């Protein structure tokens, strides 16, 4: 697969097969060796076959060289894991073990424990004991226990255990991947948007990342001094001329640019994209004498301020934002970047969370307008149906161009169903379809006096999606909102009427959250909109709310609202000690444990 763009190794999962340490005449330990190691091997196989790093490679999993029955073996395992770069540990056992002696005591690892549900040996007793010890020592761990009793010689992993193991693994790999990386802000605060007021302490203490800052003028400097990869630029520009369809210009004729000036702007925005990519992750192919510029900022995510100082004078960044967030470019399919428009760092980090969980491109959008069934009928004569009717309306997600092109829903799976694929499954047919469904329209002069181009498409399929928002609240700290739902496909004439009520040259997605009609933020789509915490949302393909809840518990970020079924909620076992209401537990536990890196 692809080489990592970032400095630093990918996180490794270490499996700790723990065992009853008693030997003697009855050979208690010896009788359990095979079963215990088989659990470790089964878990290793499950992770390797189902979890991938962002570059597409299977997650690396190592197993302790021996089973762990006493403290000396726990120490040897810890030493081995340190050499292997283990960030995540899963302890597995079918039997009673000496908990405090065999547990993972490293405060920096993310911990799970799987206790076998069998009758022959008390694996569940060990699980309960060691989780209690973890809680007692302030080391939260996820407890995994199957619903049904298994035979002692069983090697398969029950479906419910698989689900928890994979949820733990996905979330833990995502969390550990962020450590030591950077968020790069290009510019600063955009139009007074709170989300673009960067808080280094939050990013450092909760995510283990650093903040890097570069002024937007650095892009002009690099353009002016030729500090970019000329060969890449020429390839990229030729590709855009061939593949990126030019759309209509809705501006008044007196402010429209000439074809010659438009082509100059195209060269400008393509160079912007190349330079922003270089700023994030460096480029060894930059000219001689540019050794500083070659190294980049090791940015796993970034944001571009744009408005107003840049966009009143220079072409906007919509092309760079949209294409970097997309799962392909002139080199074909590749790992998407995360680049937040308006430098909304909090939305950019939300996009990052979901990209790391799914390996898919992410949508950045305004949570713009709630359309009630009555308002839709009044404007168009159309009676809404399907998921939109069930939600009591839908929400218009639209922004000037930062949404990935994957969001137009033109990729298809093996059954012909419209999807947004993990980037390594995207093929040439998908790429052509996404490009053909997108036009690049002259930027709206009212917003962007410097010109530029905005991607224009509509999400033309019903797809499962999850929308989130990360917010900072004074006195509380970070919190997350989650809304699972579906994109909505409207009849063409209805779509056009509603779309034209706002900017018709921007990418357009209609979203119906899953609502239950009960009192609260998910009574209807209106209530979701009315309870949303900021002007932007980050949107990912799939219903991944449960993974996000697990991930946030690892990061000590409480979830303030969600519509994830209760049976899918999976947090560390210690959360149960903080009361009987799951969301209250979350807030109290996150406050008690505090950020991981403080």
Protein backbone atom coordinates (compact mmCIF):
# COMPACT_ATOMS: atom_id res chain seq x y z
CA UNK A 1 0.00 0.00 0.00
CA UNK A 2 0.98 3.64 0.16
CA UNK A 3 3.90 4.95 2.14
CA UNK A 4 2.93 6.95 5.21
CA UNK A 5 3.03 10.72 4.70
CA UNK A 6 3.76 11.26 8.37
CA UNK A 7 6.84 10.91 10.55
CA UNK A 8 6.46 8.28 13.24
CA UNK A 9 5.48 4.63 13.25
CA UNK A 10 1.90 3.44 13.12
CA UNK A 11 0.50 2.17 16.43
CA UNK A 12 0.90 -1.51 17.25
CA UNK A 13 -1.58 -3.72 19.14
CA UNK A 14 -0.01 -6.04 21.69
CA UNK A 15 -1.92 -9.08 22.93
CA UNK A 16 -1.26 -10.30 26.47
CA UNK A 17 -2.34 -13.94 27.02
CA UNK A 18 -2.73 -14.19 30.80
CA UNK A 19 -2.96 -17.50 32.61
CA UNK A 20 -3.39 -19.12 35.99
CA UNK A 21 0.17 -19.24 37.30
CA UNK A 22 -0.28 -22.35 39.49
CA UNK A 23 1.82 -25.34 38.55
CA UNK A 24 2.39 -28.48 40.63
CA UNK A 25 1.08 -32.00 40.45
CA UNK A 26 -2.21 -31.15 38.69
CA UNK A 27 -0.42 -28.91 36.14
CA UNK A 28 -3.03 -26.18 36.23
CA UNK A 29 -1.00 -23.75 34.17
CA UNK A 30 0.19 -26.35 31.72
CA UNK A 31 -3.38 -27.48 31.03
CA UNK A 32 -4.36 -23.93 30.00
CA UNK A 33 -1.41 -22.95 27.79
CA UNK A 34 -2.91 -24.02 24.47
CA UNK A 35 -6.35 -22.54 25.10
CA UNK A 36 -4.93 -19.23 26.31
CA UNK A 37 -2.58 -18.85 23.38
CA UNK A 38 -5.36 -19.83 20.95
CA UNK A 39 -7.42 -16.89 22.25
CA UNK A 40 -4.49 -14.58 21.55
CA UNK A 41 -4.01 -16.01 18.05
CA UNK A 42 -7.73 -15.68 17.27
CA UNK A 43 -7.76 -12.04 18.37
CA UNK A 44 -4.60 -11.35 16.34
CA UNK A 45 -6.18 -12.85 13.24
CA UNK A 46 -9.38 -10.83 13.74
CA UNK A 47 -7.49 -7.54 14.04
CA UNK A 48 -5.17 -8.20 11.12
CA UNK A 49 -8.02 -9.19 8.80
CA UNK A 50 -10.31 -6.27 9.67
CA UNK A 51 -8.27 -3.25 10.76
CA UNK A 52 -6.14 -1.10 8.49
CA UNK A 53 -3.92 1.91 8.95
CA UNK A 54 -4.69 5.05 6.99
CA UNK A 55 -2.20 3.99 4.30
CA UNK A 56 -4.19 0.79 3.69
CA UNK A 57 -1.83 -1.67 5.37
CA UNK A 58 -3.17 -4.20 7.91
CA UNK A 59 -2.67 -3.19 11.52
CA UNK A 60 0.40 -4.76 13.09
CA UNK A 61 -0.35 -7.10 15.99
CA UNK A 62 2.18 -8.80 18.26
CA UNK A 63 1.69 -11.38 21.00
CA UNK A 64 3.66 -11.69 24.22
CA UNK A 65 6.42 -14.31 23.74
CA UNK A 66 4.93 -16.33 26.59
CA UNK A 67 1.72 -16.50 28.52
CA UNK A 68 1.67 -14.26 31.58
CA UNK A 69 1.11 -15.98 34.90
CA UNK A 70 3.20 -13.96 37.32
CA UNK A 71 4.76 -10.50 37.56
CA UNK A 72 8.09 -11.50 35.99
CA UNK A 73 6.33 -12.54 32.80
CA UNK A 74 4.27 -9.35 32.83
CA UNK A 75 7.55 -7.41 33.01
CA UNK A 76 9.09 -9.40 30.15
CA UNK A 77 5.98 -8.75 28.08
CA UNK A 78 6.14 -5.01 28.84
CA UNK A 79 9.79 -4.94 27.80
CA UNK A 80 9.02 -6.78 24.56
CA UNK A 81 6.08 -4.46 23.82
CA UNK A 82 8.26 -1.41 24.35
CA UNK A 83 10.71 -2.71 21.73
CA UNK A 84 7.82 -3.39 19.33
CA UNK A 85 6.26 0.07 19.78
CA UNK A 86 3.02 -1.20 21.31
CA UNK A 87 0.48 1.54 22.10
CA UNK A 88 -2.59 -0.65 22.61
CA UNK A 89 -2.91 -3.79 24.70
CA UNK A 90 -5.54 -6.49 24.76
CA UNK A 91 -5.34 -8.92 27.65
CA UNK A 92 -7.04 -12.28 26.97
CA UNK A 93 -7.71 -15.16 29.30
CA UNK A 94 -9.97 -18.20 29.70
CA UNK A 95 -9.28 -18.61 33.39
CA UNK A 96 -8.54 -17.09 36.76
CA UNK A 97 -5.24 -15.19 36.93
CA UNK A 98 -3.48 -13.07 39.51
CA UNK A 99 -4.88 -9.71 38.48
CA UNK A 100 -2.53 -7.11 39.97
CA UNK A 101 0.46 -9.24 39.02
CA UNK A 102 -0.52 -9.86 35.41
CA UNK A 103 -2.24 -6.61 34.39
CA UNK A 104 -0.87 -3.95 32.07
CA UNK A 105 0.44 -1.20 34.35
CA UNK A 106 1.67 1.17 31.61
CA UNK A 107 -0.28 4.43 32.06
CA UNK A 108 0.22 5.35 28.38
CA UNK A 109 -1.31 2.31 26.71
CA UNK A 110 -4.97 1.95 25.73
CA UNK A 111 -6.26 -1.18 27.46
CA UNK A 112 -8.84 -3.85 26.80
CA UNK A 113 -9.46 -7.17 28.57
CA UNK A 114 -11.30 -10.14 27.05
CA UNK A 115 -12.45 -12.73 29.57
CA UNK A 116 -13.65 -16.00 28.05
CA UNK A 117 -17.21 -17.02 28.88
CA UNK A 118 -16.73 -20.70 29.67
CA UNK A 119 -17.70 -22.94 32.56
CA UNK A 120 -14.49 -24.89 33.05
CA UNK A 121 -12.37 -22.03 34.40
CA UNK A 122 -13.44 -18.66 35.84
CA UNK A 123 -12.33 -16.31 33.04
CA UNK A 124 -15.19 -13.98 33.90
CA UNK A 125 -14.08 -13.86 37.53
CA UNK A 126 -10.61 -12.75 36.47
CA UNK A 127 -12.15 -10.20 34.11
CA UNK A 128 -14.23 -8.65 36.90
CA UNK A 129 -11.30 -8.73 39.31
CA UNK A 130 -8.75 -7.16 36.99
CA UNK A 131 -11.18 -4.48 35.78
CA UNK A 132 -11.79 -3.56 39.40
CA UNK A 133 -8.03 -3.34 39.92
CA UNK A 134 -7.69 -1.13 36.85
CA UNK A 135 -10.38 1.17 38.22
CA UNK A 136 -8.73 1.19 41.64
CA UNK A 137 -5.42 2.26 40.09
CA UNK A 138 -6.93 4.89 37.78
CA UNK A 139 -6.14 2.94 34.61
CA UNK A 140 -9.42 2.65 32.65
CA UNK A 141 -9.82 -0.56 30.66
CA UNK A 142 -12.51 -1.89 28.32
CA UNK A 143 -14.06 -5.14 29.49
CA UNK A 144 -15.12 -7.68 26.86
CA UNK A 145 -17.29 -10.65 27.84
CA UNK A 146 -19.37 -12.81 25.49
CA UNK A 147 -23.10 -13.25 25.99
CA UNK A 148 -23.19 -17.02 25.53
CA UNK A 149 -21.18 -19.79 27.22
CA UNK A 150 -18.59 -21.39 24.92
CA UNK A 151 -16.99 -24.79 24.93
CA UNK A 152 -13.52 -24.85 26.45
CA UNK A 153 -11.90 -25.90 23.18
CA UNK A 154 -13.69 -23.26 21.07
CA UNK A 155 -11.38 -21.21 18.85
CA UNK A 156 -13.96 -19.07 17.08
CA UNK A 157 -14.80 -15.64 18.48
CA UNK A 158 -18.55 -15.07 19.05
CA UNK A 159 -20.12 -12.29 16.99
CA UNK A 160 -20.81 -10.01 19.96
CA UNK A 161 -17.21 -10.36 21.15
CA UNK A 162 -15.93 -9.66 17.64
CA UNK A 163 -17.95 -6.47 17.51
CA UNK A 164 -16.48 -5.19 20.78
CA UNK A 165 -12.94 -6.26 19.92
CA UNK A 166 -13.07 -4.47 16.57
CA UNK A 167 -14.71 -1.37 18.04
CA UNK A 168 -11.98 -1.23 20.67
CA UNK A 169 -9.27 -1.84 18.06
CA UNK A 170 -10.54 0.73 15.54
CA UNK A 171 -10.93 3.44 18.15
CA UNK A 172 -7.61 2.70 19.85
CA UNK A 173 -5.66 2.72 16.58
CA UNK A 174 -7.30 6.03 15.67
CA UNK A 175 -6.42 7.59 19.03
CA UNK A 176 -2.84 6.34 18.98
CA UNK A 177 -2.31 7.45 15.36
CA UNK A 178 -2.80 11.09 16.36
CA UNK A 179 -0.04 11.06 18.98
CA UNK A 180 2.97 13.14 18.09
CA UNK A 181 1.42 14.59 14.94
CA UNK A 182 0.50 18.21 14.17
CA UNK A 183 -2.48 20.34 13.31
CA UNK A 184 -1.33 23.02 10.90
CA UNK A 185 -3.30 26.27 10.74
CA UNK A 186 -2.61 28.34 7.65
CA UNK A 187 -3.74 31.79 8.66
CA UNK A 188 -5.77 32.39 11.79
CA UNK A 189 -9.34 33.21 12.85
CA UNK A 190 -11.83 33.35 10.00
CA UNK A 191 -14.70 35.84 10.21
CA UNK A 192 -14.89 35.52 14.00
CA UNK A 193 -15.80 31.82 13.88
CA UNK A 194 -15.27 30.30 17.33
CA UNK A 195 -14.18 26.97 15.88
CA UNK A 196 -11.21 28.63 14.21
CA UNK A 197 -9.96 30.13 17.50
CA UNK A 198 -7.32 27.51 18.09
CA UNK A 199 -6.73 26.16 21.61
CA UNK A 200 -3.28 24.56 21.76
CA UNK A 201 -3.83 23.23 25.28
CA UNK A 202 -6.83 21.16 24.15
CA UNK A 203 -4.97 19.72 21.17
CA UNK A 204 -1.87 18.95 23.21
CA UNK A 205 -3.52 17.55 26.34
CA UNK A 206 -6.43 15.62 24.85
CA UNK A 207 -5.03 14.45 21.51
CA UNK A 208 -1.28 14.35 22.12
CA UNK A 209 -0.74 16.59 19.10
CA UNK A 210 1.03 19.89 18.61
CA UNK A 211 -0.17 23.07 16.88
CA UNK A 212 1.80 24.51 13.99
CA UNK A 213 1.01 27.93 12.51
CA UNK A 214 1.93 29.42 9.14
CA UNK A 215 0.75 32.74 7.76
CA UNK A 216 -1.14 32.62 4.46
CA UNK A 217 1.52 34.86 2.91
CA UNK A 218 3.83 31.80 2.93
CA UNK A 219 1.84 30.48 -0.03
CA UNK A 220 2.53 33.68 -2.00
CA UNK A 221 6.21 33.54 -1.04
CA UNK A 222 6.54 30.02 -2.34
CA UNK A 223 4.73 30.89 -5.54
CA UNK A 224 6.85 33.99 -6.07
CA UNK A 225 10.15 32.24 -5.36
CA UNK A 226 9.31 29.03 -7.20
CA UNK A 227 9.34 26.87 -4.07
CA UNK A 228 7.13 24.11 -5.35
CA UNK A 229 7.56 20.94 -7.37
CA UNK A 230 7.39 22.20 -10.94
CA UNK A 231 6.96 18.72 -12.46
CA UNK A 232 4.09 17.92 -10.10
CA UNK A 233 2.44 21.27 -10.81
CA UNK A 234 2.59 20.73 -14.57
CA UNK A 235 1.10 17.25 -14.20
CA UNK A 236 -1.61 18.53 -11.87
CA UNK A 237 -2.53 21.46 -14.12
CA UNK A 238 -2.75 19.25 -17.21
CA UNK A 239 -4.97 16.85 -15.29
CA UNK A 240 -7.32 19.61 -14.11
CA UNK A 241 -7.68 20.95 -17.67
CA UNK A 242 -8.64 17.49 -18.88
CA UNK A 243 -10.68 16.15 -15.95
CA UNK A 244 -12.18 19.06 -14.00
CA UNK A 245 -15.25 20.29 -15.86
CA UNK A 246 -15.69 24.06 -15.94
CA UNK A 247 -19.15 25.20 -14.86
CA UNK A 248 -21.25 28.32 -15.34
CA UNK A 249 -20.41 31.78 -13.96
CA UNK A 250 -23.43 33.25 -12.18
CA UNK A 251 -21.74 36.58 -11.41
CA UNK A 252 -22.88 39.79 -13.13
CA UNK A 253 -21.12 40.18 -16.50
CA UNK A 254 -19.30 43.32 -15.34
CA UNK A 255 -17.34 41.39 -12.67
CA UNK A 256 -16.82 38.14 -14.58
CA UNK A 257 -13.22 37.36 -15.41
CA UNK A 258 -11.98 36.83 -18.96
CA UNK A 259 -11.14 33.30 -20.11
CA UNK A 260 -7.45 34.25 -19.98
CA UNK A 261 -7.72 35.50 -16.39
CA UNK A 262 -9.71 32.40 -15.42
CA UNK A 263 -6.93 30.20 -16.73
CA UNK A 264 -4.39 32.19 -14.68
CA UNK A 265 -6.58 31.57 -11.64
CA UNK A 266 -6.66 27.85 -12.40
CA UNK A 267 -2.88 27.77 -12.38
CA UNK A 268 -2.95 29.71 -9.11
CA UNK A 269 -5.34 27.33 -7.29
CA UNK A 270 -3.50 24.23 -8.51
CA UNK A 271 -0.25 25.70 -7.17
CA UNK A 272 -2.05 26.43 -3.90
CA UNK A 273 -3.00 22.78 -3.58
CA UNK A 274 0.55 21.61 -4.28
CA UNK A 275 2.00 24.09 -1.77
CA UNK A 276 -0.50 23.31 1.00
CA UNK A 277 0.30 19.62 0.59
CA UNK A 278 4.02 20.47 0.88
CA UNK A 279 3.35 22.56 3.98
CA UNK A 280 1.56 19.68 5.64
CA UNK A 281 3.93 16.82 4.91
CA UNK A 282 6.96 18.16 3.07
CA UNK A 283 8.28 17.26 -0.37
CA UNK A 284 11.79 15.97 -1.14
CA UNK A 285 11.44 17.17 -4.74
CA UNK A 286 11.48 20.88 -3.96
CA UNK A 287 14.31 22.90 -5.55
CA UNK A 288 17.85 22.86 -4.19
CA UNK A 289 18.37 25.33 -1.39
CA UNK A 290 14.88 24.71 0.02
CA UNK A 291 15.91 22.26 2.71
CA UNK A 292 13.67 23.84 5.35
CA UNK A 293 10.62 23.72 3.11
CA UNK A 294 11.27 20.10 2.14
CA UNK A 295 10.50 18.76 5.63
CA UNK A 296 6.95 20.10 6.17
CA UNK A 297 5.08 20.23 9.49
CA UNK A 298 4.15 16.56 9.99
CA UNK A 299 0.50 17.62 9.87
CA UNK A 300 -2.15 14.93 10.09
CA UNK A 301 -4.76 17.67 9.60
CA UNK A 302 -4.78 21.34 8.63
CA UNK A 303 -7.02 24.35 8.14
CA UNK A 304 -6.97 27.34 5.80
CA UNK A 305 -8.34 30.70 6.96
CA UNK A 306 -9.25 32.18 3.59
CA UNK A 307 -11.93 34.69 4.44
CA UNK A 308 -11.71 37.58 4.35
CA UNK A 309 -8.19 38.89 3.97
CA UNK A 310 -7.15 36.23 1.45
CA UNK A 311 -10.37 35.82 -0.51
CA UNK A 312 -10.97 39.55 -0.94
CA UNK A 313 -7.72 39.69 -2.95
CA UNK A 314 -6.63 36.21 -4.11
CA UNK A 315 -8.52 33.24 -5.63
CA UNK A 316 -10.20 31.17 -2.92
CA UNK A 317 -8.99 27.83 -1.57
CA UNK A 318 -12.07 25.82 -2.50
CA UNK A 319 -10.25 23.75 -5.14
CA UNK A 320 -7.41 22.82 -2.78
CA UNK A 321 -9.79 22.11 0.10
CA UNK A 322 -12.14 19.94 -1.94
CA UNK A 323 -9.43 18.00 -3.78
CA UNK A 324 -7.18 17.43 -0.78
CA UNK A 325 -10.16 16.12 1.19
CA UNK A 326 -11.03 13.82 -1.73
CA UNK A 327 -9.73 10.25 -2.08
CA UNK A 328 -7.91 10.87 -5.38
CA UNK A 329 -5.99 13.44 -7.44
CA UNK A 330 -3.83 13.48 -10.56
CA UNK A 331 -1.92 10.46 -9.25
CA UNK A 332 -5.08 8.37 -8.92
CA UNK A 333 -6.56 7.05 -5.68
CA UNK A 334 -4.65 8.11 -2.58
CA UNK A 335 -5.20 8.61 1.12
CA UNK A 336 -7.37 11.72 1.62
CA UNK A 337 -5.97 14.66 3.52
CA UNK A 338 -7.95 16.61 6.12
CA UNK A 339 -8.11 20.33 5.32
CA UNK A 340 -10.73 22.40 7.12
CA UNK A 341 -12.17 25.41 5.37
CA UNK A 342 -12.23 28.69 7.31
CA UNK A 343 -9.60 27.10 9.57
CA UNK A 344 -12.40 25.62 11.67
CA UNK A 345 -9.99 23.48 13.65
CA UNK A 346 -12.73 21.87 15.71
CA UNK A 347 -14.55 20.69 12.60
CA UNK A 348 -11.24 19.66 11.04
CA UNK A 349 -10.48 17.52 14.08
CA UNK A 350 -13.95 15.98 13.82
CA UNK A 351 -13.15 15.11 10.20
CA UNK A 352 -9.85 13.63 11.39
CA UNK A 353 -11.55 11.44 14.00
CA UNK A 354 -13.83 9.92 11.38
CA UNK A 355 -11.20 9.59 8.69
CA UNK A 356 -9.03 7.60 11.12
CA UNK A 357 -11.98 5.35 11.98
CA UNK A 358 -13.09 4.70 8.39
CA UNK A 359 -10.18 5.48 6.00
CA UNK A 360 -12.76 7.37 3.94
CA UNK A 361 -12.87 10.94 2.66
CA UNK A 362 -14.85 13.38 4.81
CA UNK A 363 -17.45 16.06 4.18
CA UNK A 364 -17.12 19.58 5.62
CA UNK A 365 -20.36 21.55 5.53
CA UNK A 366 -22.44 24.32 7.02
CA UNK A 367 -25.40 22.98 8.92
CA UNK A 368 -27.34 25.50 6.92
CA UNK A 369 -31.14 25.11 6.90
CA UNK A 370 -33.88 22.93 8.35
CA UNK A 371 -36.63 22.17 5.87
CA UNK A 372 -39.92 21.07 7.42
CA UNK A 373 -42.38 18.97 5.39
CA UNK A 374 -44.69 22.00 5.30
CA UNK A 375 -41.96 24.36 4.08
CA UNK A 376 -40.91 21.91 1.34
CA UNK A 377 -44.49 21.56 0.15
CA UNK A 378 -45.03 25.31 0.15
CA UNK A 379 -41.84 25.92 -1.86
CA UNK A 380 -42.16 23.01 -4.29
CA UNK A 381 -45.52 21.25 -3.96
CA UNK A 382 -43.63 18.05 -3.03
CA UNK A 383 -44.66 15.73 -0.21
CA UNK A 384 -41.46 14.39 1.35
CA UNK A 385 -41.15 10.65 1.83
CA UNK A 386 -38.87 7.90 3.14
CA UNK A 387 -36.23 8.73 5.72
CA UNK A 388 -36.93 12.46 5.36
CA UNK A 389 -40.59 11.95 6.26
CA UNK A 390 -39.64 9.75 9.21
CA UNK A 391 -37.32 12.51 10.48
CA UNK A 392 -39.98 15.20 10.14
CA UNK A 393 -37.95 17.02 7.50
CA UNK A 394 -34.29 17.31 6.57
CA UNK A 395 -31.26 19.55 6.94
CA UNK A 396 -29.39 21.27 4.13
CA UNK A 397 -25.62 20.68 4.38
CA UNK A 398 -23.78 23.09 2.10
CA UNK A 399 -20.53 25.05 2.07
CA UNK A 400 -18.48 26.78 -0.57
CA UNK A 401 -16.41 23.85 -1.67
CA UNK A 402 -14.50 21.97 1.06
CA UNK A 403 -16.60 18.82 0.81
CA UNK A 404 -14.81 15.85 -0.72
CA UNK A 405 -15.93 14.89 -4.22
CA UNK A 406 -16.65 11.41 -2.86
CA UNK A 407 -19.75 13.02 -1.33
CA UNK A 408 -21.55 13.15 -4.67
CA UNK A 409 -22.20 9.43 -4.14
CA UNK A 410 -21.11 8.24 -7.56
CA UNK A 411 -18.89 5.38 -6.41
CA UNK A 412 -20.60 2.00 -6.46
CA UNK A 413 -19.92 -1.19 -4.58
CA UNK A 414 -19.95 -4.71 -6.06
CA UNK A 415 -23.77 -4.71 -5.90
CA UNK A 416 -24.14 -1.39 -7.72
CA UNK A 417 -25.09 0.48 -4.52
CA UNK A 418 -23.90 4.09 -4.21
CA UNK A 419 -21.26 4.41 -1.50
CA UNK A 420 -18.27 6.39 -0.30
CA UNK A 421 -15.43 3.87 -0.33
CA UNK A 422 -12.28 3.54 1.74
CA UNK A 423 -9.70 5.25 -0.44
CA UNK A 424 -7.82 2.04 -1.26
CA UNK A 425 -10.99 0.55 -2.82
CA UNK A 426 -11.55 3.54 -5.13
CA UNK A 427 -10.97 2.61 -8.79
CA UNK A 428 -10.65 4.55 -12.06
CA UNK A 429 -14.34 4.08 -12.86
CA UNK A 430 -15.23 5.63 -9.49
CA UNK A 431 -12.85 8.53 -10.08
CA UNK A 432 -14.26 9.31 -13.52
CA UNK A 433 -17.82 9.12 -12.22
CA UNK A 434 -17.07 11.52 -9.35
CA UNK A 435 -15.32 13.98 -11.67
CA UNK A 436 -18.13 13.80 -14.24
CA UNK A 437 -20.72 14.58 -11.57
CA UNK A 438 -18.83 17.70 -10.46
CA UNK A 439 -18.42 21.07 -12.11
CA UNK A 440 -16.07 23.85 -11.02
CA UNK A 441 -17.91 27.13 -11.04
CA UNK A 442 -16.55 30.64 -10.82
CA UNK A 443 -16.61 31.73 -7.19
CA UNK A 444 -19.46 33.94 -6.01
CA UNK A 445 -18.15 37.53 -6.19
CA UNK A 446 -20.20 38.51 -3.13
CA UNK A 447 -18.23 36.06 -1.01
CA UNK A 448 -14.96 35.86 -2.92
CA UNK A 449 -13.91 39.10 -4.61
CA UNK A 450 -10.57 37.54 -5.46
CA UNK A 451 -12.23 34.87 -7.58
CA UNK A 452 -11.40 31.21 -7.66
CA UNK A 453 -13.60 28.17 -8.24
CA UNK A 454 -16.09 26.22 -6.14
CA UNK A 455 -16.96 22.58 -6.64
CA UNK A 456 -20.60 22.03 -7.52
CA UNK A 457 -22.46 18.75 -7.14
CA UNK A 458 -25.41 17.24 -5.34
CA UNK A 459 -25.33 14.05 -3.31
CA UNK A 460 -27.46 11.91 -5.62
CA UNK A 461 -28.06 8.86 -3.48
CA UNK A 462 -29.42 7.77 -0.14
CA UNK A 463 -26.40 6.72 1.89
CA UNK A 464 -25.89 6.07 5.63
CA UNK A 465 -23.87 8.89 7.17
CA UNK A 466 -22.84 10.21 10.57
CA UNK A 467 -22.57 13.93 11.32
CA UNK A 468 -20.56 15.17 14.30
CA UNK A 469 -19.44 18.38 15.91
CA UNK A 470 -16.62 18.86 18.37
CA UNK A 471 -17.03 21.92 20.60
CA UNK A 472 -15.16 23.55 23.45
CA UNK A 473 -17.30 24.82 26.32
CA UNK A 474 -15.85 27.06 29.02
CA UNK A 475 -15.95 25.34 32.38
CA UNK A 476 -16.52 21.96 30.76
CA UNK A 477 -13.86 21.51 28.11
CA UNK A 478 -14.41 19.53 24.91
CA UNK A 479 -17.64 17.75 24.03
CA UNK A 480 -18.95 15.92 20.98
CA UNK A 481 -22.33 15.70 19.27
CA UNK A 482 -23.27 12.77 17.03
CA UNK A 483 -26.19 12.40 14.64
CA UNK A 484 -26.55 9.26 12.53
CA UNK A 485 -28.83 9.39 9.53
CA UNK A 486 -28.98 9.29 5.76
CA UNK A 487 -28.37 11.53 2.80
CA UNK A 488 -31.60 12.25 0.96
CA UNK A 489 -32.15 12.08 -2.80
CA UNK A 490 -34.83 14.52 -3.87
CA UNK A 491 -36.55 14.65 -7.27
CA UNK A 492 -34.49 16.83 -9.61
CA UNK A 493 -37.03 19.63 -9.86
CA UNK A 494 -37.47 19.77 -6.07
CA UNK A 495 -33.72 19.69 -5.55
CA UNK A 496 -33.22 22.61 -7.93
CA UNK A 497 -35.89 24.80 -6.36
CA UNK A 498 -34.55 24.32 -2.82
CA UNK A 499 -30.88 24.52 -3.82
CA UNK A 500 -31.49 27.84 -5.61
CA UNK A 501 -32.77 29.32 -2.34
CA UNK A 502 -29.10 29.56 -1.33
CA UNK A 503 -25.86 29.41 -3.33
CA UNK A 504 -26.43 27.22 -6.38
CA UNK A 505 -22.72 26.86 -7.15
CA UNK A 506 -21.74 24.98 -3.98
CA UNK A 507 -21.81 21.25 -3.21
CA UNK A 508 -25.20 20.25 -1.83
CA UNK A 509 -26.22 17.44 0.53
CA UNK A 510 -29.65 16.86 2.06
CA UNK A 511 -29.49 15.07 5.42
CA UNK A 512 -32.16 13.28 7.44
CA UNK A 513 -31.03 12.26 10.94
CA UNK A 514 -32.48 9.13 12.53
CA UNK A 515 -35.18 10.45 14.86
CA UNK A 516 -37.47 8.73 17.35
CA UNK A 517 -40.29 11.25 17.87
CA UNK A 518 -39.57 11.34 21.61
CA UNK A 519 -38.74 14.45 23.60
CA UNK A 520 -35.14 15.50 23.27
CA UNK A 521 -32.66 16.48 20.57
CA UNK A 522 -33.70 13.62 18.28
CA UNK A 523 -37.43 14.18 18.31
CA UNK A 524 -37.17 15.44 14.73
CA UNK A 525 -34.68 16.87 12.25
CA UNK A 526 -35.70 20.31 13.53
CA UNK A 527 -34.62 19.38 17.05
CA UNK A 528 -31.27 18.09 15.80
CA UNK A 529 -30.69 21.39 14.00
CA UNK A 530 -31.95 23.38 17.00
CA UNK A 531 -29.58 21.56 19.37
CA UNK A 532 -26.52 21.60 17.12
CA UNK A 533 -23.56 23.27 18.79
CA UNK A 534 -21.97 25.26 15.96
CA UNK A 535 -22.34 26.43 12.38
CA UNK A 536 -20.38 23.55 10.84
CA UNK A 537 -20.58 19.79 10.88
CA UNK A 538 -18.23 16.99 9.82
CA UNK A 539 -19.91 14.15 7.95
CA UNK A 540 -18.66 10.61 7.27
CA UNK A 541 -20.06 7.69 5.34
CA UNK A 542 -21.60 4.97 7.50
CA UNK A 543 -23.24 4.76 10.90
CA UNK A 544 -20.12 5.03 13.02
CA UNK A 545 -21.52 6.70 16.12
CA UNK A 546 -20.72 3.72 18.35
CA UNK A 547 -17.07 3.80 17.28
CA UNK A 548 -16.97 7.54 17.97
CA UNK A 549 -18.39 7.06 21.47
CA UNK A 550 -15.72 4.47 22.24
CA UNK A 551 -13.01 6.70 20.76
CA UNK A 552 -14.17 9.73 22.75
CA UNK A 553 -14.09 7.78 26.00
CA UNK A 554 -10.43 6.98 25.29
CA UNK A 555 -9.79 10.70 24.72
CA UNK A 556 -11.88 11.70 27.80
CA UNK A 557 -14.22 13.75 25.62
CA UNK A 558 -17.85 13.37 26.76
CA UNK A 559 -20.64 12.97 24.21
CA UNK A 560 -23.45 15.45 24.82
CA UNK A 561 -26.04 14.14 22.34
CA UNK A 562 -26.27 11.10 20.12
CA UNK A 563 -28.78 8.71 18.57
CA UNK A 564 -26.70 5.53 18.87
CA UNK A 565 -28.64 2.49 20.17
CA UNK A 566 -27.80 1.89 23.82
CA UNK A 567 -26.71 -1.72 23.24
CA UNK A 568 -23.89 -0.48 20.98
CA UNK A 569 -22.39 1.92 23.50
CA UNK A 570 -19.00 0.64 24.62
CA UNK A 571 -16.93 2.55 27.16
CA UNK A 572 -14.31 1.53 29.78
CA UNK A 573 -15.70 -0.63 32.57
CA UNK A 574 -14.85 2.01 35.19
CA UNK A 575 -17.55 4.28 33.70
CA UNK A 576 -20.11 2.04 35.45
CA UNK A 577 -18.87 3.33 38.79
CA UNK A 578 -20.02 6.87 37.99
CA UNK A 579 -23.79 6.37 38.26
CA UNK A 580 -26.54 4.56 36.37
CA UNK A 581 -27.23 7.00 33.52
CA UNK A 582 -24.81 6.33 30.65
CA UNK A 583 -24.36 9.91 29.47
CA UNK A 584 -24.02 11.24 33.00
CA UNK A 585 -21.46 8.48 33.63
CA UNK A 586 -19.54 9.71 30.61
CA UNK A 587 -19.35 13.31 31.83
CA UNK A 588 -18.37 12.38 35.36
CA UNK A 589 -15.77 9.80 34.30
CA UNK A 590 -14.17 12.11 31.74
CA UNK A 591 -13.94 14.86 34.38
CA UNK A 592 -12.47 12.46 36.95
CA UNK A 593 -9.81 10.95 34.69
CA UNK A 594 -9.00 14.08 32.72
CA UNK A 595 -7.03 14.31 29.50
CA UNK A 596 -4.59 11.54 28.73
CA UNK A 597 -1.59 13.79 28.03
CA UNK A 598 -1.90 16.44 30.73
